Amino acid sequence: MTAMAKYAVDTLKVKKCFSLVIRDNEGYILQKQVFVDYLKNNG
């Protein structure tokens, strides 16, 4: 998910993202959190 988030920031140049996750599966939540944290930490 860090690789995906880095690609989103560096290559896709996203600036404003809406995040949606299922809240009843720990694995899906973890993937979301890694992605969202990277976006926030990179502007």
Full PDB file with SEQRES, HELIX, SHEET, SSBOND, CRYST1, ORIGX, SCALE, CONECT and MASTER records, all heavy atoms in Angstrom:
SEQRES   1 A   43  MET THR ALA MET ALA LYS TYR ALA VAL ASP THR LEU LYS          
SEQRES   2 A   43  VAL LYS LYS CYS PHE SER LEU VAL ILE ARG ASP ASN GLU          
SEQRES   3 A   43  GLY TYR ILE LEU GLN LYS GLN VAL PHE VAL ASP TYR LEU          
SEQRES   4 A   43  LYS ASN ASN GLY                                              
HELIX    1 AA1 THR A    2  ASP A   10  1                                   9    
HELIX    2 AA2 GLU A   26  ASN A   41  1                                  16    
CRYST1    1.000    1.000    1.000  90.00  90.00  90.00 P 1           1          
ORIGX1      1.000000  0.000000  0.000000        0.00000                         
ORIGX2      0.000000  1.000000  0.000000        0.00000                         
ORIGX3      0.000000  0.000000  1.000000        0.00000                         
SCALE1      1.000000  0.000000  0.000000        0.00000                         
SCALE2      0.000000  1.000000  0.000000        0.00000                         
SCALE3      0.000000  0.000000  1.000000        0.00000                         
ATOM      1  N   MET A   1       0.825  -1.209   0.000  1.00  0.00           N  
ATOM      2  CA  MET A   1       0.000   0.000   0.000  1.00  0.00           C  
ATOM      3  C   MET A   1       0.860   1.261   0.000  1.00  0.00           C  
ATOM      4  O   MET A   1       0.450   2.297  -0.533  1.00  0.00           O  
ATOM      5  CB  MET A   1      -0.955   0.002   1.187  1.00  0.00           C  
ATOM      6  CG  MET A   1      -2.075  -1.031   1.097  1.00  0.00           C  
ATOM      7  SD  MET A   1      -2.951  -1.111  -0.495  1.00  0.00           S  
ATOM      8  CE  MET A   1      -3.658   0.512  -0.636  1.00  0.00           C  
ATOM      9  N   THR A   2       2.052   1.190   0.564  1.00  0.00           N  
ATOM     10  CA  THR A   2       2.974   2.321   0.458  1.00  0.00           C  
ATOM     11  C   THR A   2       3.397   2.522  -0.991  1.00  0.00           C  
ATOM     12  O   THR A   2       3.482   3.656  -1.478  1.00  0.00           O  
ATOM     13  CB  THR A   2       4.207   2.099   1.354  1.00  0.00           C  
ATOM     14  OG1 THR A   2       3.792   2.054   2.720  1.00  0.00           O  
ATOM     15  CG2 THR A   2       5.221   3.225   1.172  1.00  0.00           C  
ATOM     16  N   ALA A   3       3.659   1.400  -1.697  1.00  0.00           N  
ATOM     17  CA  ALA A   3       4.011   1.496  -3.116  1.00  0.00           C  
ATOM     18  C   ALA A   3       2.880   2.141  -3.914  1.00  0.00           C  
ATOM     19  O   ALA A   3       3.110   2.977  -4.796  1.00  0.00           O  
ATOM     20  CB  ALA A   3       4.334   0.111  -3.671  1.00  0.00           C  
ATOM     21  N   MET A   4       1.635   1.758  -3.598  1.00  0.00           N  
ATOM     22  CA  MET A   4       0.481   2.327  -4.292  1.00  0.00           C  
ATOM     23  C   MET A   4       0.322   3.803  -3.965  1.00  0.00           C  
ATOM     24  O   MET A   4       0.061   4.631  -4.852  1.00  0.00           O  
ATOM     25  CB  MET A   4      -0.784   1.553  -3.890  1.00  0.00           C  
ATOM     26  CG  MET A   4      -2.061   2.016  -4.586  1.00  0.00           C  
ATOM     27  SD  MET A   4      -2.125   1.657  -6.362  1.00  0.00           S  
ATOM     28  CE  MET A   4      -1.846   3.295  -7.042  1.00  0.00           C  
ATOM     29  N   ALA A   5       0.460   4.154  -2.698  1.00  0.00           N  
ATOM     30  CA  ALA A   5       0.304   5.549  -2.288  1.00  0.00           C  
ATOM     31  C   ALA A   5       1.401   6.434  -2.890  1.00  0.00           C  
ATOM     32  O   ALA A   5       1.136   7.562  -3.318  1.00  0.00           O  
ATOM     33  CB  ALA A   5       0.332   5.643  -0.765  1.00  0.00           C  
ATOM     34  N   LYS A   6       2.615   5.915  -2.933  1.00  0.00           N  
ATOM     35  CA  LYS A   6       3.716   6.673  -3.531  1.00  0.00           C  
ATOM     36  C   LYS A   6       3.440   6.916  -5.017  1.00  0.00           C  
ATOM     37  O   LYS A   6       3.692   8.013  -5.539  1.00  0.00           O  
ATOM     38  CB  LYS A   6       5.031   5.908  -3.350  1.00  0.00           C  
ATOM     39  CG  LYS A   6       6.271   6.676  -3.786  1.00  0.00           C  
ATOM     40  CD  LYS A   6       7.525   5.878  -3.473  1.00  0.00           C  
ATOM     41  CE  LYS A   6       8.775   6.711  -3.716  1.00  0.00           C  
ATOM     42  NZ  LYS A   6       8.881   7.242  -5.090  1.00  0.00           N  
ATOM     43  N   TYR A   7       2.906   5.919  -5.695  1.00  0.00           N  
ATOM     44  CA  TYR A   7       2.565   6.059  -7.112  1.00  0.00           C  
ATOM     45  C   TYR A   7       1.463   7.106  -7.277  1.00  0.00           C  
ATOM     46  O   TYR A   7       1.495   7.915  -8.215  1.00  0.00           O  
ATOM     47  CB  TYR A   7       2.105   4.710  -7.665  1.00  0.00           C  
ATOM     48  CG  TYR A   7       1.871   4.684  -9.156  1.00  0.00           C  
ATOM     49  CD1 TYR A   7       2.899   4.362 -10.035  1.00  0.00           C  
ATOM     50  CD2 TYR A   7       0.617   4.980  -9.692  1.00  0.00           C  
ATOM     51  CE1 TYR A   7       2.690   4.327 -11.406  1.00  0.00           C  
ATOM     52  CE2 TYR A   7       0.386   4.952 -11.057  1.00  0.00           C  
ATOM     53  CZ  TYR A   7       1.428   4.629 -11.911  1.00  0.00           C  
ATOM     54  OH  TYR A   7       1.215   4.610 -13.275  1.00  0.00           O  
ATOM     55  N   ALA A   8       0.496   7.099  -6.361  1.00  0.00           N  
ATOM     56  CA  ALA A   8      -0.601   8.073  -6.430  1.00  0.00           C  
ATOM     57  C   ALA A   8      -0.090   9.498  -6.285  1.00  0.00           C  
ATOM     58  O   ALA A   8      -0.550  10.414  -6.986  1.00  0.00           O  
ATOM     59  CB  ALA A   8      -1.627   7.773  -5.337  1.00  0.00           C  
ATOM     60  N   VAL A   9       0.878   9.680  -5.400  1.00  0.00           N  
ATOM     61  CA  VAL A   9       1.418  11.016  -5.159  1.00  0.00           C  
ATOM     62  C   VAL A   9       2.394  11.436  -6.256  1.00  0.00           C  
ATOM     63  O   VAL A   9       2.279  12.533  -6.828  1.00  0.00           O  
ATOM     64  CB  VAL A   9       2.118  11.072  -3.779  1.00  0.00           C  
ATOM     65  CG1 VAL A   9       2.831  12.411  -3.598  1.00  0.00           C  
ATOM     66  CG2 VAL A   9       1.114  10.854  -2.658  1.00  0.00           C  
ATOM     67  N   ASP A  10       3.339  10.584  -6.580  1.00  0.00           N  
ATOM     68  CA  ASP A  10       4.426  10.960  -7.496  1.00  0.00           C  
ATOM     69  C   ASP A  10       4.034  10.901  -8.968  1.00  0.00           C  
ATOM     70  O   ASP A  10       4.463  11.748  -9.760  1.00  0.00           O  
ATOM     71  CB  ASP A  10       5.639  10.048  -7.282  1.00  0.00           C  
ATOM     72  CG  ASP A  10       6.244  10.191  -5.902  1.00  0.00           C  
ATOM     73  OD1 ASP A  10       5.905  11.167  -5.204  1.00  0.00           O  
ATOM     74  OD2 ASP A  10       7.040   9.321  -5.509  1.00  0.00           O  
ATOM     75  N   THR A  11       3.236   9.909  -9.343  1.00  0.00           N  
ATOM     76  CA  THR A  11       2.912   9.706 -10.759  1.00  0.00           C  
ATOM     77  C   THR A  11       1.530  10.236 -11.114  1.00  0.00           C  
ATOM     78  O   THR A  11       1.363  10.935 -12.116  1.00  0.00           O  
ATOM     79  CB  THR A  11       3.004   8.209 -11.115  1.00  0.00           C  
ATOM     80  OG1 THR A  11       4.315   7.727 -10.792  1.00  0.00           O  
ATOM     81  CG2 THR A  11       2.733   7.982 -12.596  1.00  0.00           C  
ATOM     82  N   LEU A  12       0.527   9.897 -10.286  1.00  0.00           N  
ATOM     83  CA  LEU A  12      -0.834  10.337 -10.580  1.00  0.00           C  
ATOM     84  C   LEU A  12      -1.098  11.765 -10.119  1.00  0.00           C  
ATOM     85  O   LEU A  12      -2.085  12.380 -10.550  1.00  0.00           O  
ATOM     86  CB  LEU A  12      -1.845   9.391  -9.929  1.00  0.00           C  
ATOM     87  CG  LEU A  12      -1.755   7.917 -10.369  1.00  0.00           C  
ATOM     88  CD1 LEU A  12      -2.757   7.057  -9.599  1.00  0.00           C  
ATOM     89  CD2 LEU A  12      -1.981   7.791 -11.871  1.00  0.00           C  
ATOM     90  N   LYS A  13      -0.244  12.281  -9.226  1.00  0.00           N  
ATOM     91  CA  LYS A  13      -0.312  13.674  -8.756  1.00  0.00           C  
ATOM     92  C   LYS A  13      -1.657  14.019  -8.108  1.00  0.00           C  
ATOM     93  O   LYS A  13      -2.210  15.093  -8.313  1.00  0.00           O  
ATOM     94  CB  LYS A  13      -0.057  14.647  -9.915  1.00  0.00           C  
ATOM     95  CG  LYS A  13       1.209  14.392 -10.721  1.00  0.00           C  
ATOM     96  CD  LYS A  13       2.468  14.606  -9.904  1.00  0.00           C  
ATOM     97  CE  LYS A  13       3.725  14.444 -10.763  1.00  0.00           C  
ATOM     98  NZ  LYS A  13       4.975  14.539  -9.957  1.00  0.00           N  
ATOM     99  N   VAL A  14      -2.202  13.081  -7.311  1.00  0.00           N  
ATOM    100  CA  VAL A  14      -3.471  13.364  -6.644  1.00  0.00           C  
ATOM    101  C   VAL A  14      -3.271  14.436  -5.578  1.00  0.00           C  
ATOM    102  O   VAL A  14      -2.216  14.519  -4.946  1.00  0.00           O  
ATOM    103  CB  VAL A  14      -4.081  12.086  -6.027  1.00  0.00           C  
ATOM    104  CG1 VAL A  14      -4.324  11.036  -7.096  1.00  0.00           C  
ATOM    105  CG2 VAL A  14      -3.201  11.522  -4.923  1.00  0.00           C  
ATOM    106  N   LYS A  15      -4.312  15.239  -5.365  1.00  0.00           N  
ATOM    107  CA  LYS A  15      -4.232  16.352  -4.417  1.00  0.00           C  
ATOM    108  C   LYS A  15      -5.318  16.305  -3.355  1.00  0.00           C  
ATOM    109  O   LYS A  15      -5.156  16.869  -2.267  1.00  0.00           O  
ATOM    110  CB  LYS A  15      -4.328  17.690  -5.170  1.00  0.00           C  
ATOM    111  CG  LYS A  15      -3.253  17.913  -6.220  1.00  0.00           C  
ATOM    112  CD  LYS A  15      -1.863  17.979  -5.616  1.00  0.00           C  
ATOM    113  CE  LYS A  15      -0.792  18.243  -6.672  1.00  0.00           C  
ATOM    114  NZ  LYS A  15       0.580  18.170  -6.099  1.00  0.00           N  
ATOM    115  N   LYS A  16      -6.435  15.646  -3.676  1.00  0.00           N  
ATOM    116  CA  LYS A  16      -7.610  15.708  -2.799  1.00  0.00           C  
ATOM    117  C   LYS A  16      -8.345  14.370  -2.893  1.00  0.00           C  
ATOM    118  O   LYS A  16      -8.967  14.070  -3.909  1.00  0.00           O  
ATOM    119  CB  LYS A  16      -8.503  16.855  -3.250  1.00  0.00           C  
ATOM    120  CG  LYS A  16      -9.646  17.196  -2.332  1.00  0.00           C  
ATOM    121  CD  LYS A  16     -10.395  18.414  -2.893  1.00  0.00           C  
ATOM    122  CE  LYS A  16     -11.580  18.771  -2.019  1.00  0.00           C  
ATOM    123  NZ  LYS A  16     -12.335  19.924  -2.578  1.00  0.00           N  
ATOM    124  N   CYS A  17      -8.271  13.574  -1.842  1.00  0.00           N  
ATOM    125  CA  CYS A  17      -8.743  12.192  -1.933  1.00  0.00           C  
ATOM    126  C   CYS A  17      -9.841  11.884  -0.914  1.00  0.00           C  
ATOM    127  O   CYS A  17      -9.773  12.311   0.245  1.00  0.00           O  
ATOM    128  CB  CYS A  17      -7.575  11.249  -1.718  1.00  0.00           C  
ATOM    129  SG  CYS A  17      -7.852   9.583  -2.358  1.00  0.00           S  
ATOM    130  N   PHE A  18     -10.854  11.148  -1.366  1.00  0.00           N  
ATOM    131  CA  PHE A  18     -11.932  10.645  -0.521  1.00  0.00           C  
ATOM    132  C   PHE A  18     -11.654   9.170  -0.267  1.00  0.00           C  
ATOM    133  O   PHE A  18     -11.469   8.389  -1.204  1.00  0.00           O  
ATOM    134  CB  PHE A  18     -13.274  10.811  -1.239  1.00  0.00           C  
ATOM    135  CG  PHE A  18     -14.483  10.556  -0.387  1.00  0.00           C  
ATOM    136  CD1 PHE A  18     -15.293  11.592   0.025  1.00  0.00           C  
ATOM    137  CD2 PHE A  18     -14.826   9.258  -0.004  1.00  0.00           C  
ATOM    138  CE1 PHE A  18     -16.420  11.359   0.813  1.00  0.00           C  
ATOM    139  CE2 PHE A  18     -15.943   9.016   0.783  1.00  0.00           C  
ATOM    140  CZ  PHE A  18     -16.739  10.084   1.197  1.00  0.00           C  
ATOM    141  N   SER A  19     -11.631   8.759   1.012  1.00  0.00           N  
ATOM    142  CA  SER A  19     -11.313   7.370   1.377  1.00  0.00           C  
ATOM    143  C   SER A  19     -12.539   6.664   1.938  1.00  0.00           C  
ATOM    144  O   SER A  19     -13.272   7.223   2.764  1.00  0.00           O  
ATOM    145  CB  SER A  19     -10.191   7.352   2.419  1.00  0.00           C  
ATOM    146  OG  SER A  19      -9.986   6.046   2.912  1.00  0.00           O  
ATOM    147  N   LEU A  20     -12.747   5.413   1.496  1.00  0.00           N  
ATOM    148  CA  LEU A  20     -13.876   4.611   1.962  1.00  0.00           C  
ATOM    149  C   LEU A  20     -13.410   3.174   2.180  1.00  0.00           C  
ATOM    150  O   LEU A  20     -12.750   2.595   1.305  1.00  0.00           O  
ATOM    151  CB  LEU A  20     -15.009   4.652   0.935  1.00  0.00           C  
ATOM    152  CG  LEU A  20     -16.311   3.938   1.289  1.00  0.00           C  
ATOM    153  CD1 LEU A  20     -16.946   4.534   2.541  1.00  0.00           C  
ATOM    154  CD2 LEU A  20     -17.295   4.010   0.117  1.00  0.00           C  
ATOM    155  N   VAL A  21     -13.773   2.572   3.328  1.00  0.00           N  
ATOM    156  CA  VAL A  21     -13.294   1.242   3.697  1.00  0.00           C  
ATOM    157  C   VAL A  21     -14.426   0.452   4.354  1.00  0.00           C  
ATOM    158  O   VAL A  21     -15.369   1.044   4.894  1.00  0.00           O  
ATOM    159  CB  VAL A  21     -12.090   1.353   4.672  1.00  0.00           C  
ATOM    160  CG1 VAL A  21     -12.499   2.017   5.972  1.00  0.00           C  
ATOM    161  CG2 VAL A  21     -11.458  -0.010   4.965  1.00  0.00           C  
ATOM    162  N   ILE A  22     -14.356  -0.875   4.295  1.00  0.00           N  
ATOM    163  CA  ILE A  22     -15.272  -1.673   5.111  1.00  0.00           C  
ATOM    164  C   ILE A  22     -14.688  -1.745   6.525  1.00  0.00           C  
ATOM    165  O   ILE A  22     -13.500  -1.963   6.710  1.00  0.00           O  
ATOM    166  CB  ILE A  22     -15.530  -3.086   4.545  1.00  0.00           C  
ATOM    167  CG1 ILE A  22     -14.232  -3.885   4.370  1.00  0.00           C  
ATOM    168  CG2 ILE A  22     -16.315  -3.017   3.250  1.00  0.00           C  
ATOM    169  CD1 ILE A  22     -14.471  -5.360   4.069  1.00  0.00           C  
ATOM    170  N   ARG A  23     -15.556  -1.554   7.502  1.00  0.00           N  
ATOM    171  CA  ARG A  23     -15.076  -1.465   8.883  1.00  0.00           C  
ATOM    172  C   ARG A  23     -15.124  -2.786   9.646  1.00  0.00           C  
ATOM    173  O   ARG A  23     -14.793  -2.828  10.843  1.00  0.00           O  
ATOM    174  CB  ARG A  23     -15.858  -0.406   9.656  1.00  0.00           C  
ATOM    175  CG  ARG A  23     -17.361  -0.621   9.743  1.00  0.00           C  
ATOM    176  CD  ARG A  23     -18.016   0.477  10.564  1.00  0.00           C  
ATOM    177  NE  ARG A  23     -19.462   0.392  10.582  1.00  0.00           N  
ATOM    178  CZ  ARG A  23     -20.261   1.015   9.716  1.00  0.00           C  
ATOM    179  NH1 ARG A  23     -19.730   1.765   8.751  1.00  0.00           N  
ATOM    180  NH2 ARG A  23     -21.573   0.900   9.794  1.00  0.00           N  
ATOM    181  N   ASP A  24     -15.533  -3.865   8.959  1.00  0.00           N  
ATOM    182  CA  ASP A  24     -15.634  -5.158   9.643  1.00  0.00           C  
ATOM    183  C   ASP A  24     -14.595  -6.157   9.145  1.00  0.00           C  
ATOM    184  O   ASP A  24     -14.802  -7.368   9.219  1.00  0.00           O  
ATOM    185  CB  ASP A  24     -17.042  -5.739   9.529  1.00  0.00           C  
ATOM    186  CG  ASP A  24     -17.607  -5.735   8.106  1.00  0.00           C  
ATOM    187  OD1 ASP A  24     -16.998  -5.091   7.230  1.00  0.00           O  
ATOM    188  OD2 ASP A  24     -18.667  -6.352   7.890  1.00  0.00           O  
ATOM    189  N   ASN A  25     -13.473  -5.650   8.637  1.00  0.00           N  
ATOM    190  CA  ASN A  25     -12.371  -6.527   8.231  1.00  0.00           C  
ATOM    191  C   ASN A  25     -11.053  -5.822   8.533  1.00  0.00           C  
ATOM    192  O   ASN A  25     -10.752  -4.771   7.960  1.00  0.00           O  
ATOM    193  CB  ASN A  25     -12.468  -6.867   6.742  1.00  0.00           C  
ATOM    194  CG  ASN A  25     -11.414  -7.877   6.312  1.00  0.00           C  
ATOM    195  OD1 ASN A  25     -10.221  -7.620   6.394  1.00  0.00           O  
ATOM    196  ND2 ASN A  25     -11.854  -9.033   5.843  1.00  0.00           N  
ATOM    197  N   GLU A  26     -10.285  -6.401   9.461  1.00  0.00           N  
ATOM    198  CA  GLU A  26      -9.045  -5.782   9.925  1.00  0.00           C  
ATOM    199  C   GLU A  26      -8.050  -5.556   8.792  1.00  0.00           C  
ATOM    200  O   GLU A  26      -7.365  -4.532   8.739  1.00  0.00           O  
ATOM    201  CB  GLU A  26      -8.406  -6.675  11.001  1.00  0.00           C  
ATOM    202  CG  GLU A  26      -7.077  -6.175  11.531  1.00  0.00           C  
ATOM    203  CD  GLU A  26      -7.184  -4.902  12.339  1.00  0.00           C  
ATOM    204  OE1 GLU A  26      -8.239  -4.665  12.945  1.00  0.00           O  
ATOM    205  OE2 GLU A  26      -6.190  -4.148  12.367  1.00  0.00           O  
ATOM    206  N   GLY A  27      -7.962  -6.512   7.864  1.00  0.00           N  
ATOM    207  CA  GLY A  27      -7.003  -6.390   6.769  1.00  0.00           C  
ATOM    208  C   GLY A  27      -7.313  -5.218   5.856  1.00  0.00           C  
ATOM    209  O   GLY A  27      -6.410  -4.478   5.440  1.00  0.00           O  
ATOM    210  N   TYR A  28      -8.581  -5.010   5.540  1.00  0.00           N  
ATOM    211  CA  TYR A  28      -8.980  -3.904   4.681  1.00  0.00           C  
ATOM    212  C   TYR A  28      -8.729  -2.566   5.376  1.00  0.00           C  
ATOM    213  O   TYR A  28      -8.317  -1.587   4.755  1.00  0.00           O  
ATOM    214  CB  TYR A  28     -10.464  -4.034   4.308  1.00  0.00           C  
ATOM    215  CG  TYR A  28     -10.752  -5.086   3.263  1.00  0.00           C  
ATOM    216  CD1 TYR A  28     -10.818  -6.434   3.601  1.00  0.00           C  
ATOM    217  CD2 TYR A  28     -10.964  -4.737   1.940  1.00  0.00           C  
ATOM    218  CE1 TYR A  28     -11.084  -7.408   2.649  1.00  0.00           C  
ATOM    219  CE2 TYR A  28     -11.243  -5.708   0.975  1.00  0.00           C  
ATOM    220  CZ  TYR A  28     -11.296  -7.035   1.338  1.00  0.00           C  
ATOM    221  OH  TYR A  28     -11.561  -7.989   0.394  1.00  0.00           O  
ATOM    222  N   ILE A  29      -8.985  -2.522   6.686  1.00  0.00           N  
ATOM    223  CA  ILE A  29      -8.756  -1.300   7.461  1.00  0.00           C  
ATOM    224  C   ILE A  29      -7.266  -0.956   7.466  1.00  0.00           C  
ATOM    225  O   ILE A  29      -6.874   0.204   7.302  1.00  0.00           O  
ATOM    226  CB  ILE A  29      -9.279  -1.469   8.896  1.00  0.00           C  
ATOM    227  CG1 ILE A  29     -10.801  -1.602   8.890  1.00  0.00           C  
ATOM    228  CG2 ILE A  29      -8.860  -0.288   9.765  1.00  0.00           C  
ATOM    229  CD1 ILE A  29     -11.394  -2.021  10.226  1.00  0.00           C  
ATOM    230  N   LEU A  30      -6.433  -1.960   7.650  1.00  0.00           N  
ATOM    231  CA  LEU A  30      -4.987  -1.733   7.685  1.00  0.00           C  
ATOM    232  C   LEU A  30      -4.487  -1.188   6.344  1.00  0.00           C  
ATOM    233  O   LEU A  30      -3.678  -0.250   6.305  1.00  0.00           O  
ATOM    234  CB  LEU A  30      -4.263  -3.024   8.038  1.00  0.00           C  
ATOM    235  CG  LEU A  30      -2.739  -2.940   8.122  1.00  0.00           C  
ATOM    236  CD1 LEU A  30      -2.306  -1.929   9.171  1.00  0.00           C  
ATOM    237  CD2 LEU A  30      -2.145  -4.311   8.426  1.00  0.00           C  
ATOM    238  N   GLN A  31      -4.958  -1.763   5.238  1.00  0.00           N  
ATOM    239  CA  GLN A  31      -4.557  -1.277   3.911  1.00  0.00           C  
ATOM    240  C   GLN A  31      -4.933   0.186   3.734  1.00  0.00           C  
ATOM    241  O   GLN A  31      -4.156   0.994   3.241  1.00  0.00           O  
ATOM    242  CB  GLN A  31      -5.212  -2.119   2.818  1.00  0.00           C  
ATOM    243  CG  GLN A  31      -4.688  -3.537   2.732  1.00  0.00           C  
ATOM    244  CD  GLN A  31      -5.241  -4.285   1.535  1.00  0.00           C  
ATOM    245  OE1 GLN A  31      -5.009  -3.898   0.394  1.00  0.00           O  
ATOM    246  NE2 GLN A  31      -5.962  -5.349   1.790  1.00  0.00           N  
ATOM    247  N   LYS A  32      -6.165   0.514   4.171  1.00  0.00           N  
ATOM    248  CA  LYS A  32      -6.628   1.898   4.078  1.00  0.00           C  
ATOM    249  C   LYS A  32      -5.752   2.834   4.893  1.00  0.00           C  
ATOM    250  O   LYS A  32      -5.365   3.912   4.432  1.00  0.00           O  
ATOM    251  CB  LYS A  32      -8.089   1.972   4.557  1.00  0.00           C  
ATOM    252  CG  LYS A  32      -8.723   3.363   4.478  1.00  0.00           C  
ATOM    253  CD  LYS A  32      -8.503   4.248   5.702  1.00  0.00           C  
ATOM    254  CE  LYS A  32      -9.075   3.646   6.959  1.00  0.00           C  
ATOM    255  NZ  LYS A  32      -8.925   4.614   8.110  1.00  0.00           N  
ATOM    256  N   GLN A  33      -5.420   2.412   6.114  1.00  0.00           N  
ATOM    257  CA  GLN A  33      -4.676   3.288   7.010  1.00  0.00           C  
ATOM    258  C   GLN A  33      -3.279   3.596   6.477  1.00  0.00           C  
ATOM    259  O   GLN A  33      -2.809   4.737   6.559  1.00  0.00           O  
ATOM    260  CB  GLN A  33      -4.580   2.672   8.402  1.00  0.00           C  
ATOM    261  CG  GLN A  33      -4.257   3.685   9.495  1.00  0.00           C  
ATOM    262  CD  GLN A  33      -5.278   4.799   9.564  1.00  0.00           C  
ATOM    263  OE1 GLN A  33      -6.482   4.544   9.644  1.00  0.00           O  
ATOM    264  NE2 GLN A  33      -4.825   6.038   9.499  1.00  0.00           N  
ATOM    265  N   VAL A  34      -2.628   2.583   5.927  1.00  0.00           N  
ATOM    266  CA  VAL A  34      -1.290   2.795   5.349  1.00  0.00           C  
ATOM    267  C   VAL A  34      -1.375   3.794   4.197  1.00  0.00           C  
ATOM    268  O   VAL A  34      -0.563   4.728   4.099  1.00  0.00           O  
ATOM    269  CB  VAL A  34      -0.677   1.461   4.865  1.00  0.00           C  
ATOM    270  CG1 VAL A  34       0.614   1.713   4.081  1.00  0.00           C  
ATOM    271  CG2 VAL A  34      -0.408   0.534   6.039  1.00  0.00           C  
ATOM    272  N   PHE A  35      -2.370   3.610   3.330  1.00  0.00           N  
ATOM    273  CA  PHE A  35      -2.541   4.493   2.167  1.00  0.00           C  
ATOM    274  C   PHE A  35      -2.847   5.923   2.606  1.00  0.00           C  
ATOM    275  O   PHE A  35      -2.195   6.876   2.154  1.00  0.00           O  
ATOM    276  CB  PHE A  35      -3.670   3.963   1.286  1.00  0.00           C  
ATOM    277  CG  PHE A  35      -3.859   4.715   0.002  1.00  0.00           C  
ATOM    278  CD1 PHE A  35      -3.092   4.427  -1.112  1.00  0.00           C  
ATOM    279  CD2 PHE A  35      -4.810   5.727  -0.093  1.00  0.00           C  
ATOM    280  CE1 PHE A  35      -3.257   5.132  -2.303  1.00  0.00           C  
ATOM    281  CE2 PHE A  35      -4.986   6.435  -1.270  1.00  0.00           C  
ATOM    282  CZ  PHE A  35      -4.211   6.130  -2.379  1.00  0.00           C  
ATOM    283  N   VAL A  36      -3.813   6.083   3.501  1.00  0.00           N  
ATOM    284  CA  VAL A  36      -4.232   7.414   3.947  1.00  0.00           C  
ATOM    285  C   VAL A  36      -3.099   8.133   4.679  1.00  0.00           C  
ATOM    286  O   VAL A  36      -2.870   9.336   4.475  1.00  0.00           O  
ATOM    287  CB  VAL A  36      -5.490   7.308   4.833  1.00  0.00           C  
ATOM    288  CG1 VAL A  36      -5.752   8.610   5.587  1.00  0.00           C  
ATOM    289  CG2 VAL A  36      -6.706   6.952   3.984  1.00  0.00           C  
ATOM    290  N   ASP A  37      -2.392   7.420   5.537  1.00  0.00           N  
ATOM    291  CA  ASP A  37      -1.285   8.040   6.282  1.00  0.00           C  
ATOM    292  C   ASP A  37      -0.213   8.558   5.334  1.00  0.00           C  
ATOM    293  O   ASP A  37       0.337   9.653   5.547  1.00  0.00           O  
ATOM    294  CB  ASP A  37      -0.675   7.037   7.258  1.00  0.00           C  
ATOM    295  CG  ASP A  37      -1.559   6.785   8.469  1.00  0.00           C  
ATOM    296  OD1 ASP A  37      -2.539   7.535   8.669  1.00  0.00           O  
ATOM    297  OD2 ASP A  37      -1.270   5.825   9.221  1.00  0.00           O  
ATOM    298  N   TYR A  38       0.095   7.781   4.301  1.00  0.00           N  
ATOM    299  CA  TYR A  38       1.114   8.226   3.346  1.00  0.00           C  
ATOM    300  C   TYR A  38       0.653   9.492   2.632  1.00  0.00           C  
ATOM    301  O   TYR A  38       1.436  10.441   2.459  1.00  0.00           O  
ATOM    302  CB  TYR A  38       1.424   7.127   2.336  1.00  0.00           C  
ATOM    303  CG  TYR A  38       2.603   7.457   1.434  1.00  0.00           C  
ATOM    304  CD1 TYR A  38       3.880   7.003   1.754  1.00  0.00           C  
ATOM    305  CD2 TYR A  38       2.453   8.234   0.282  1.00  0.00           C  
ATOM    306  CE1 TYR A  38       4.971   7.318   0.947  1.00  0.00           C  
ATOM    307  CE2 TYR A  38       3.528   8.544  -0.531  1.00  0.00           C  
ATOM    308  CZ  TYR A  38       4.785   8.087  -0.191  1.00  0.00           C  
ATOM    309  OH  TYR A  38       5.861   8.410  -0.988  1.00  0.00           O  
ATOM    310  N   LEU A  39      -0.613   9.527   2.214  1.00  0.00           N  
ATOM    311  CA  LEU A  39      -1.127  10.720   1.534  1.00  0.00           C  
ATOM    312  C   LEU A  39      -1.007  11.938   2.430  1.00  0.00           C  
ATOM    313  O   LEU A  39      -0.523  12.999   2.001  1.00  0.00           O  
ATOM    314  CB  LEU A  39      -2.593  10.517   1.129  1.00  0.00           C  
ATOM    315  CG  LEU A  39      -2.927   9.455   0.083  1.00  0.00           C  
ATOM    316  CD1 LEU A  39      -4.378   9.617  -0.371  1.00  0.00           C  
ATOM    317  CD2 LEU A  39      -2.009   9.523  -1.121  1.00  0.00           C  
ATOM    318  N   LYS A  40      -1.457  11.818   3.666  1.00  0.00           N  
ATOM    319  CA  LYS A  40      -1.427  12.952   4.596  1.00  0.00           C  
ATOM    320  C   LYS A  40       0.002  13.428   4.844  1.00  0.00           C  
ATOM    321  O   LYS A  40       0.258  14.635   4.935  1.00  0.00           O  
ATOM    322  CB  LYS A  40      -2.085  12.551   5.918  1.00  0.00           C  
ATOM    323  CG  LYS A  40      -3.591  12.376   5.846  1.00  0.00           C  
ATOM    324  CD  LYS A  40      -4.151  11.960   7.207  1.00  0.00           C  
ATOM    325  CE  LYS A  40      -5.666  11.832   7.180  1.00  0.00           C  
ATOM    326  NZ  LYS A  40      -6.207  11.389   8.503  1.00  0.00           N  
ATOM    327  N   ASN A  41       0.920  12.480   4.967  1.00  0.00           N  
ATOM    328  CA  ASN A  41       2.324  12.831   5.239  1.00  0.00           C  
ATOM    329  C   ASN A  41       3.033  13.419   4.033  1.00  0.00           C  
ATOM    330  O   ASN A  41       4.166  13.904   4.158  1.00  0.00           O  
ATOM    331  CB  ASN A  41       3.082  11.597   5.729  1.00  0.00           C  
ATOM    332  CG  ASN A  41       2.620  11.131   7.095  1.00  0.00           C  
ATOM    333  OD1 ASN A  41       2.099  11.911   7.886  1.00  0.00           O  
ATOM    334  ND2 ASN A  41       2.805   9.855   7.386  1.00  0.00           N  
ATOM    335  N   ASN A  42       2.374  13.348   2.862  1.00  0.00           N  
ATOM    336  CA  ASN A  42       2.989  13.864   1.646  1.00  0.00           C  
ATOM    337  C   ASN A  42       2.143  14.934   0.967  1.00  0.00           C  
ATOM    338  O   ASN A  42       2.182  15.111  -0.245  1.00  0.00           O  
ATOM    339  CB  ASN A  42       3.275  12.716   0.679  1.00  0.00           C  
ATOM    340  CG  ASN A  42       4.444  11.855   1.122  1.00  0.00           C  
ATOM    341  OD1 ASN A  42       5.597  12.142   0.823  1.00  0.00           O  
ATOM    342  ND2 ASN A  42       4.140  10.807   1.894  1.00  0.00           N  
ATOM    343  N   GLY A  43       1.391  15.662   1.781  1.00  0.00           N  
ATOM    344  CA  GLY A  43       0.725  16.863   1.316  1.00  0.00           C  
ATOM    345  C   GLY A  43      -0.593  16.701   0.598  1.00  0.00           C  
ATOM    346  O   GLY A  43      -1.127  17.667   0.040  1.00  0.00           O  
TER     347      GLY A  43                                                      
MASTER        0    0    0    2    0    0    0    6  346    1    0    4          
END                                                                             
